[in-house]
Amino acid sequence: MCAKVRRPDTNLDINKNIACIGEAEALEGIKRGLADVGAGRVTPLEELARAFQKKHEIPRPSR
């Protein structure tokens, strides 16, 4: 986990702060994704795959 972001004194500090910002953004994205799942705002994989195959004219695999 990132420590409190402080005013950078060196390039190393700047890189650490950039990494912490990236980590915070990633965690926020995960939280939004989990909220979407909880609220039912998701597309089943099978439905997504069918739509993708149709859009890109990919033949369905035979079973």
PDB file of N, CA and C in Angstrom:
ATOM      1  N   MET A   1       0.836  -1.182   0.000  1.00  0.00           N
ATOM      2  CA  MET A   1       0.000   0.000   0.000  1.00  0.00           C
ATOM      3  C   MET A   1       0.882   1.247   0.000  1.00  0.00           C
ATOM      4  N   CYS A   2       0.368   2.269  -0.575  1.00  0.00           N
ATOM      5  CA  CYS A   2       1.110   3.518  -0.646  1.00  0.00           C
ATOM      6  C   CYS A   2       0.954   4.299   0.657  1.00  0.00           C
ATOM      7  N   ALA A   3       2.035   4.898   1.049  1.00  0.00           N
ATOM      8  CA  ALA A   3       1.977   5.799   2.191  1.00  0.00           C
ATOM      9  C   ALA A   3       1.339   7.106   1.743  1.00  0.00           C
ATOM     10  N   LYS A   4       1.093   7.981   2.691  1.00  0.00           N
ATOM     11  CA  LYS A   4       0.508   9.279   2.356  1.00  0.00           C
ATOM     12  C   LYS A   4       1.379   9.975   1.308  1.00  0.00           C
ATOM     13  N   VAL A   5       0.740  10.447   0.255  1.00  0.00           N
ATOM     14  CA  VAL A   5       1.475  11.139  -0.804  1.00  0.00           C
ATOM     15  C   VAL A   5       1.905  12.498  -0.266  1.00  0.00           C
ATOM     16  N   ARG A   6       3.184  12.772  -0.426  1.00  0.00           N
ATOM     17  CA  ARG A   6       3.709  14.041   0.086  1.00  0.00           C
ATOM     18  C   ARG A   6       4.365  14.805  -1.043  1.00  0.00           C
ATOM     19  N   ARG A   7       4.783  15.989  -0.742  1.00  0.00           N
ATOM     20  CA  ARG A   7       5.459  16.792  -1.755  1.00  0.00           C
ATOM     21  C   ARG A   7       6.771  16.125  -2.134  1.00  0.00           C
ATOM     22  N   PRO A   8       6.959  15.856  -3.434  1.00  0.00           N
ATOM     23  CA  PRO A   8       8.177  15.145  -3.842  1.00  0.00           C
ATOM     24  C   PRO A   8       9.425  16.007  -3.727  1.00  0.00           C
ATOM     25  N   ASP A   9      10.507  15.391  -3.234  1.00  0.00           N
ATOM     26  CA  ASP A   9      11.791  16.088  -3.116  1.00  0.00           C
ATOM     27  C   ASP A   9      12.773  15.619  -4.176  1.00  0.00           C
ATOM     28  N   THR A  10      12.574  14.413  -4.690  1.00  0.00           N
ATOM     29  CA  THR A  10      13.505  13.849  -5.666  1.00  0.00           C
ATOM     30  C   THR A  10      12.725  13.149  -6.767  1.00  0.00           C
ATOM     31  N   ASN A  11      13.447  12.758  -7.808  1.00  0.00           N
ATOM     32  CA  ASN A  11      12.813  11.985  -8.873  1.00  0.00           C
ATOM     33  C   ASN A  11      12.250  10.675  -8.351  1.00  0.00           C
ATOM     34  N   LEU A  12      12.937  10.068  -7.382  1.00  0.00           N
ATOM     35  CA  LEU A  12      12.455   8.828  -6.787  1.00  0.00           C
ATOM     36  C   LEU A  12      11.116   9.065  -6.100  1.00  0.00           C
ATOM     37  N   ASP A  13      11.004  10.172  -5.362  1.00  0.00           N
ATOM     38  CA  ASP A  13       9.752  10.504  -4.693  1.00  0.00           C
ATOM     39  C   ASP A  13       8.641  10.734  -5.718  1.00  0.00           C
ATOM     40  N   ILE A  14       8.960  11.387  -6.821  1.00  0.00           N
ATOM     41  CA  ILE A  14       7.971  11.640  -7.868  1.00  0.00           C
ATOM     42  C   ILE A  14       7.489  10.315  -8.435  1.00  0.00           C
ATOM     43  N   ASN A  15       8.413   9.396  -8.708  1.00  0.00           N
ATOM     44  CA  ASN A  15       8.031   8.088  -9.239  1.00  0.00           C
ATOM     45  C   ASN A  15       7.172   7.314  -8.245  1.00  0.00           C
ATOM     46  N   LYS A  16       7.501   7.401  -6.962  1.00  0.00           N
ATOM     47  CA  LYS A  16       6.691   6.727  -5.935  1.00  0.00           C
ATOM     48  C   LYS A  16       5.286   7.323  -5.905  1.00  0.00           C
ATOM     49  N   ASN A  17       5.189   8.643  -5.994  1.00  0.00           N
ATOM     50  CA  ASN A  17       3.880   9.298  -5.974  1.00  0.00           C
ATOM     51  C   ASN A  17       3.060   8.919  -7.207  1.00  0.00           C
ATOM     52  N   ILE A  18       3.706   8.837  -8.364  1.00  0.00           N
ATOM     53  CA  ILE A  18       3.011   8.431  -9.584  1.00  0.00           C
ATOM     54  C   ILE A  18       2.493   7.003  -9.428  1.00  0.00           C
ATOM     55  N   ALA A  19       3.302   6.123  -8.856  1.00  0.00           N
ATOM     56  CA  ALA A  19       2.890   4.740  -8.634  1.00  0.00           C
ATOM     57  C   ALA A  19       1.705   4.686  -7.682  1.00  0.00           C
ATOM     58  N   CYS A  20       1.713   5.519  -6.655  1.00  0.00           N
ATOM     59  CA  CYS A  20       0.607   5.542  -5.686  1.00  0.00           C
ATOM     60  C   CYS A  20      -0.681   6.037  -6.349  1.00  0.00           C
ATOM     61  N   ILE A  21      -0.556   7.020  -7.205  1.00  0.00           N
ATOM     62  CA  ILE A  21      -1.741   7.520  -7.918  1.00  0.00           C
ATOM     63  C   ILE A  21      -2.291   6.425  -8.817  1.00  0.00           C
ATOM     64  N   GLY A  22      -1.404   5.719  -9.503  1.00  0.00           N
ATOM     65  CA  GLY A  22      -1.841   4.617 -10.356  1.00  0.00           C
ATOM     66  C   GLY A  22      -2.519   3.523  -9.558  1.00  0.00           C
ATOM     67  N   GLU A  23      -1.985   3.221  -8.392  1.00  0.00           N
ATOM     68  CA  GLU A  23      -2.583   2.204  -7.525  1.00  0.00           C
ATOM     69  C   GLU A  23      -3.965   2.645  -7.055  1.00  0.00           C
ATOM     70  N   ALA A  24      -4.091   3.902  -6.667  1.00  0.00           N
ATOM     71  CA  ALA A  24      -5.382   4.424  -6.211  1.00  0.00           C
ATOM     72  C   ALA A  24      -6.412   4.385  -7.336  1.00  0.00           C
ATOM     73  N   GLU A  25      -5.998   4.731  -8.557  1.00  0.00           N
ATOM     74  CA  GLU A  25      -6.916   4.686  -9.695  1.00  0.00           C
ATOM     75  C   GLU A  25      -7.343   3.257  -9.991  1.00  0.00           C
ATOM     76  N   ALA A  26      -6.416   2.317  -9.889  1.00  0.00           N
ATOM     77  CA  ALA A  26      -6.749   0.907 -10.129  1.00  0.00           C
ATOM     78  C   ALA A  26      -7.747   0.412  -9.087  1.00  0.00           C
ATOM     79  N   LEU A  27      -7.509   0.748  -7.831  1.00  0.00           N
ATOM     80  CA  LEU A  27      -8.423   0.321  -6.774  1.00  0.00           C
ATOM     81  C   LEU A  27      -9.812   0.925  -6.967  1.00  0.00           C
ATOM     82  N   GLU A  28      -9.876   2.178  -7.389  1.00  0.00           N
ATOM     83  CA  GLU A  28     -11.171   2.826  -7.637  1.00  0.00           C
ATOM     84  C   GLU A  28     -11.896   2.123  -8.786  1.00  0.00           C
ATOM     85  N   GLY A  29     -11.166   1.737  -9.821  1.00  0.00           N
ATOM     86  CA  GLY A  29     -11.770   1.013 -10.936  1.00  0.00           C
ATOM     87  C   GLY A  29     -12.323  -0.331 -10.499  1.00  0.00           C
ATOM     88  N   ILE A  30     -11.588  -1.017  -9.636  1.00  0.00           N
ATOM     89  CA  ILE A  30     -12.059  -2.303  -9.116  1.00  0.00           C
ATOM     90  C   ILE A  30     -13.332  -2.097  -8.291  1.00  0.00           C
ATOM     91  N   LYS A  31     -13.351  -1.067  -7.460  1.00  0.00           N
ATOM     92  CA  LYS A  31     -14.548  -0.780  -6.656  1.00  0.00           C
ATOM     93  C   LYS A  31     -15.756  -0.491  -7.547  1.00  0.00           C
ATOM     94  N   ARG A  32     -15.555   0.287  -8.631  1.00  0.00           N
ATOM     95  CA  ARG A  32     -16.654   0.577  -9.551  1.00  0.00           C
ATOM     96  C   ARG A  32     -17.134  -0.700 -10.230  1.00  0.00           C
ATOM     97  N   GLY A  33     -16.197  -1.563 -10.623  1.00  0.00           N
ATOM     98  CA  GLY A  33     -16.561  -2.822 -11.255  1.00  0.00           C
ATOM     99  C   GLY A  33     -17.356  -3.714 -10.327  1.00  0.00           C
ATOM    100  N   LEU A  34     -16.934  -3.798  -9.078  1.00  0.00           N
ATOM    101  CA  LEU A  34     -17.665  -4.612  -8.110  1.00  0.00           C
ATOM    102  C   LEU A  34     -19.056  -4.041  -7.847  1.00  0.00           C
ATOM    103  N   ALA A  35     -19.169  -2.726  -7.832  1.00  0.00           N
ATOM    104  CA  ALA A  35     -20.484  -2.095  -7.653  1.00  0.00           C
ATOM    105  C   ALA A  35     -21.387  -2.412  -8.840  1.00  0.00           C
ATOM    106  N   ASP A  36     -20.827  -2.407 -10.052  1.00  0.00           N
ATOM    107  CA  ASP A  36     -21.608  -2.760 -11.243  1.00  0.00           C
ATOM    108  C   ASP A  36     -22.103  -4.197 -11.160  1.00  0.00           C
ATOM    109  N   VAL A  37     -21.241  -5.105 -10.731  1.00  0.00           N
ATOM    110  CA  VAL A  37     -21.648  -6.503 -10.589  1.00  0.00           C
ATOM    111  C   VAL A  37     -22.762  -6.612  -9.556  1.00  0.00           C
ATOM    112  N   GLY A  38     -22.589  -5.940  -8.438  1.00  0.00           N
ATOM    113  CA  GLY A  38     -23.596  -5.976  -7.376  1.00  0.00           C
ATOM    114  C   GLY A  38     -24.939  -5.421  -7.821  1.00  0.00           C
ATOM    115  N   ALA A  39     -24.909  -4.448  -8.729  1.00  0.00           N
ATOM    116  CA  ALA A  39     -26.143  -3.819  -9.213  1.00  0.00           C
ATOM    117  C   ALA A  39     -26.696  -4.523 -10.452  1.00  0.00           C
ATOM    118  N   GLY A  40     -25.999  -5.578 -10.911  1.00  0.00           N
ATOM    119  CA  GLY A  40     -26.484  -6.311 -12.073  1.00  0.00           C
ATOM    120  C   GLY A  40     -26.182  -5.647 -13.403  1.00  0.00           C
ATOM    121  N   ARG A  41     -25.259  -4.698 -13.432  1.00  0.00           N
ATOM    122  CA  ARG A  41     -24.892  -4.009 -14.673  1.00  0.00           C
ATOM    123  C   ARG A  41     -23.737  -4.736 -15.350  1.00  0.00           C
ATOM    124  N   VAL A  42     -24.001  -5.992 -15.732  1.00  0.00           N
ATOM    125  CA  VAL A  42     -22.976  -6.816 -16.371  1.00  0.00           C
ATOM    126  C   VAL A  42     -23.581  -7.540 -17.565  1.00  0.00           C
ATOM    127  N   THR A  43     -22.725  -7.991 -18.476  1.00  0.00           N
ATOM    128  CA  THR A  43     -23.145  -8.780 -19.625  1.00  0.00           C
ATOM    129  C   THR A  43     -22.534 -10.171 -19.484  1.00  0.00           C
ATOM    130  N   PRO A  44     -23.355 -11.226 -19.546  1.00  0.00           N
ATOM    131  CA  PRO A  44     -22.785 -12.574 -19.461  1.00  0.00           C
ATOM    132  C   PRO A  44     -21.777 -12.810 -20.584  1.00  0.00           C
ATOM    133  N   LEU A  45     -20.733 -13.564 -20.294  1.00  0.00           N
ATOM    134  CA  LEU A  45     -19.660 -13.808 -21.252  1.00  0.00           C
ATOM    135  C   LEU A  45     -20.188 -14.414 -22.549  1.00  0.00           C
ATOM    136  N   GLU A  46     -21.117 -15.356 -22.445  1.00  0.00           N
ATOM    137  CA  GLU A  46     -21.648 -16.002 -23.643  1.00  0.00           C
ATOM    138  C   GLU A  46     -22.321 -14.984 -24.562  1.00  0.00           C
ATOM    139  N   GLU A  47     -23.078 -14.073 -23.976  1.00  0.00           N
ATOM    140  CA  GLU A  47     -23.762 -13.029 -24.760  1.00  0.00           C
ATOM    141  C   GLU A  47     -22.749 -12.095 -25.418  1.00  0.00           C
ATOM    142  N   LEU A  48     -21.732 -11.719 -24.673  1.00  0.00           N
ATOM    143  CA  LEU A  48     -20.690 -10.850 -25.202  1.00  0.00           C
ATOM    144  C   LEU A  48     -19.949 -11.540 -26.346  1.00  0.00           C
ATOM    145  N   ALA A  49     -19.626 -12.826 -26.183  1.00  0.00           N
ATOM    146  CA  ALA A  49     -18.907 -13.568 -27.215  1.00  0.00           C
ATOM    147  C   ALA A  49     -19.742 -13.672 -28.490  1.00  0.00           C
ATOM    148  N   ARG A  50     -21.046 -13.951 -28.346  1.00  0.00           N
ATOM    149  CA  ARG A  50     -21.922 -14.041 -29.529  1.00  0.00           C
ATOM    150  C   ARG A  50     -21.950 -12.712 -30.274  1.00  0.00           C
ATOM    151  N   ALA A  51     -22.108 -11.621 -29.549  1.00  0.00           N
ATOM    152  CA  ALA A  51     -22.170 -10.295 -30.176  1.00  0.00           C
ATOM    153  C   ALA A  51     -20.845  -9.967 -30.865  1.00  0.00           C
ATOM    154  N   PHE A  52     -19.732 -10.297 -30.228  1.00  0.00           N
ATOM    155  CA  PHE A  52     -18.413 -10.036 -30.808  1.00  0.00           C
ATOM    156  C   PHE A  52     -18.221 -10.843 -32.087  1.00  0.00           C
ATOM    157  N   GLN A  53     -18.586 -12.124 -32.037  1.00  0.00           N
ATOM    158  CA  GLN A  53     -18.439 -12.991 -33.213  1.00  0.00           C
ATOM    159  C   GLN A  53     -19.302 -12.488 -34.363  1.00  0.00           C
ATOM    160  N   LYS A  54     -20.513 -12.061 -34.053  1.00  0.00           N
ATOM    161  CA  LYS A  54     -21.412 -11.565 -35.097  1.00  0.00           C
ATOM    162  C   LYS A  54     -20.858 -10.278 -35.710  1.00  0.00           C
ATOM    163  N   LYS A  55     -20.433  -9.351 -34.863  1.00  0.00           N
ATOM    164  CA  LYS A  55     -19.914  -8.066 -35.340  1.00  0.00           C
ATOM    165  C   LYS A  55     -18.703  -8.250 -36.242  1.00  0.00           C
ATOM    166  N   HIS A  56     -17.829  -9.174 -35.892  1.00  0.00           N
ATOM    167  CA  HIS A  56     -16.581  -9.361 -36.625  1.00  0.00           C
ATOM    168  C   HIS A  56     -16.638 -10.545 -37.593  1.00  0.00           C
ATOM    169  N   GLU A  57     -17.844 -11.045 -37.801  1.00  0.00           N
ATOM    170  CA  GLU A  57     -18.097 -12.142 -38.748  1.00  0.00           C
ATOM    171  C   GLU A  57     -17.171 -13.338 -38.490  1.00  0.00           C
ATOM    172  N   ILE A  58     -17.066 -13.708 -37.242  1.00  0.00           N
ATOM    173  CA  ILE A  58     -16.269 -14.858 -36.854  1.00  0.00           C
ATOM    174  C   ILE A  58     -17.216 -16.058 -36.772  1.00  0.00           C
ATOM    175  N   PRO A  59     -16.926 -17.116 -37.521  1.00  0.00           N
ATOM    176  CA  PRO A  59     -17.819 -18.277 -37.463  1.00  0.00           C
ATOM    177  C   PRO A  59     -17.794 -18.926 -36.074  1.00  0.00           C
ATOM    178  N   ARG A  60     -18.950 -19.436 -35.678  1.00  0.00           N
ATOM    179  CA  ARG A  60     -19.032 -20.129 -34.397  1.00  0.00           C
ATOM    180  C   ARG A  60     -18.335 -21.481 -34.519  1.00  0.00           C
ATOM    181  N   PRO A  61     -17.646 -21.875 -33.492  1.00  0.00           N
ATOM    182  CA  PRO A  61     -16.995 -23.194 -33.539  1.00  0.00           C
ATOM    183  C   PRO A  61     -18.056 -24.293 -33.532  1.00  0.00           C
ATOM    184  N   SER A  62     -17.824 -25.341 -34.294  1.00  0.00           N
ATOM    185  CA  SER A  62     -18.777 -26.458 -34.294  1.00  0.00           C
ATOM    186  C   SER A  62     -18.513 -27.336 -33.089  1.00  0.00           C
ATOM    187  N   ARG A  63     -19.566 -27.913 -32.562  1.00  0.00           N
ATOM    188  CA  ARG A  63     -19.421 -28.732 -31.345  1.00  0.00           C
ATOM    189  C   ARG A  63     -19.520 -30.178 -31.666  1.00  0.00           C
TER     190      ARG A  63
END
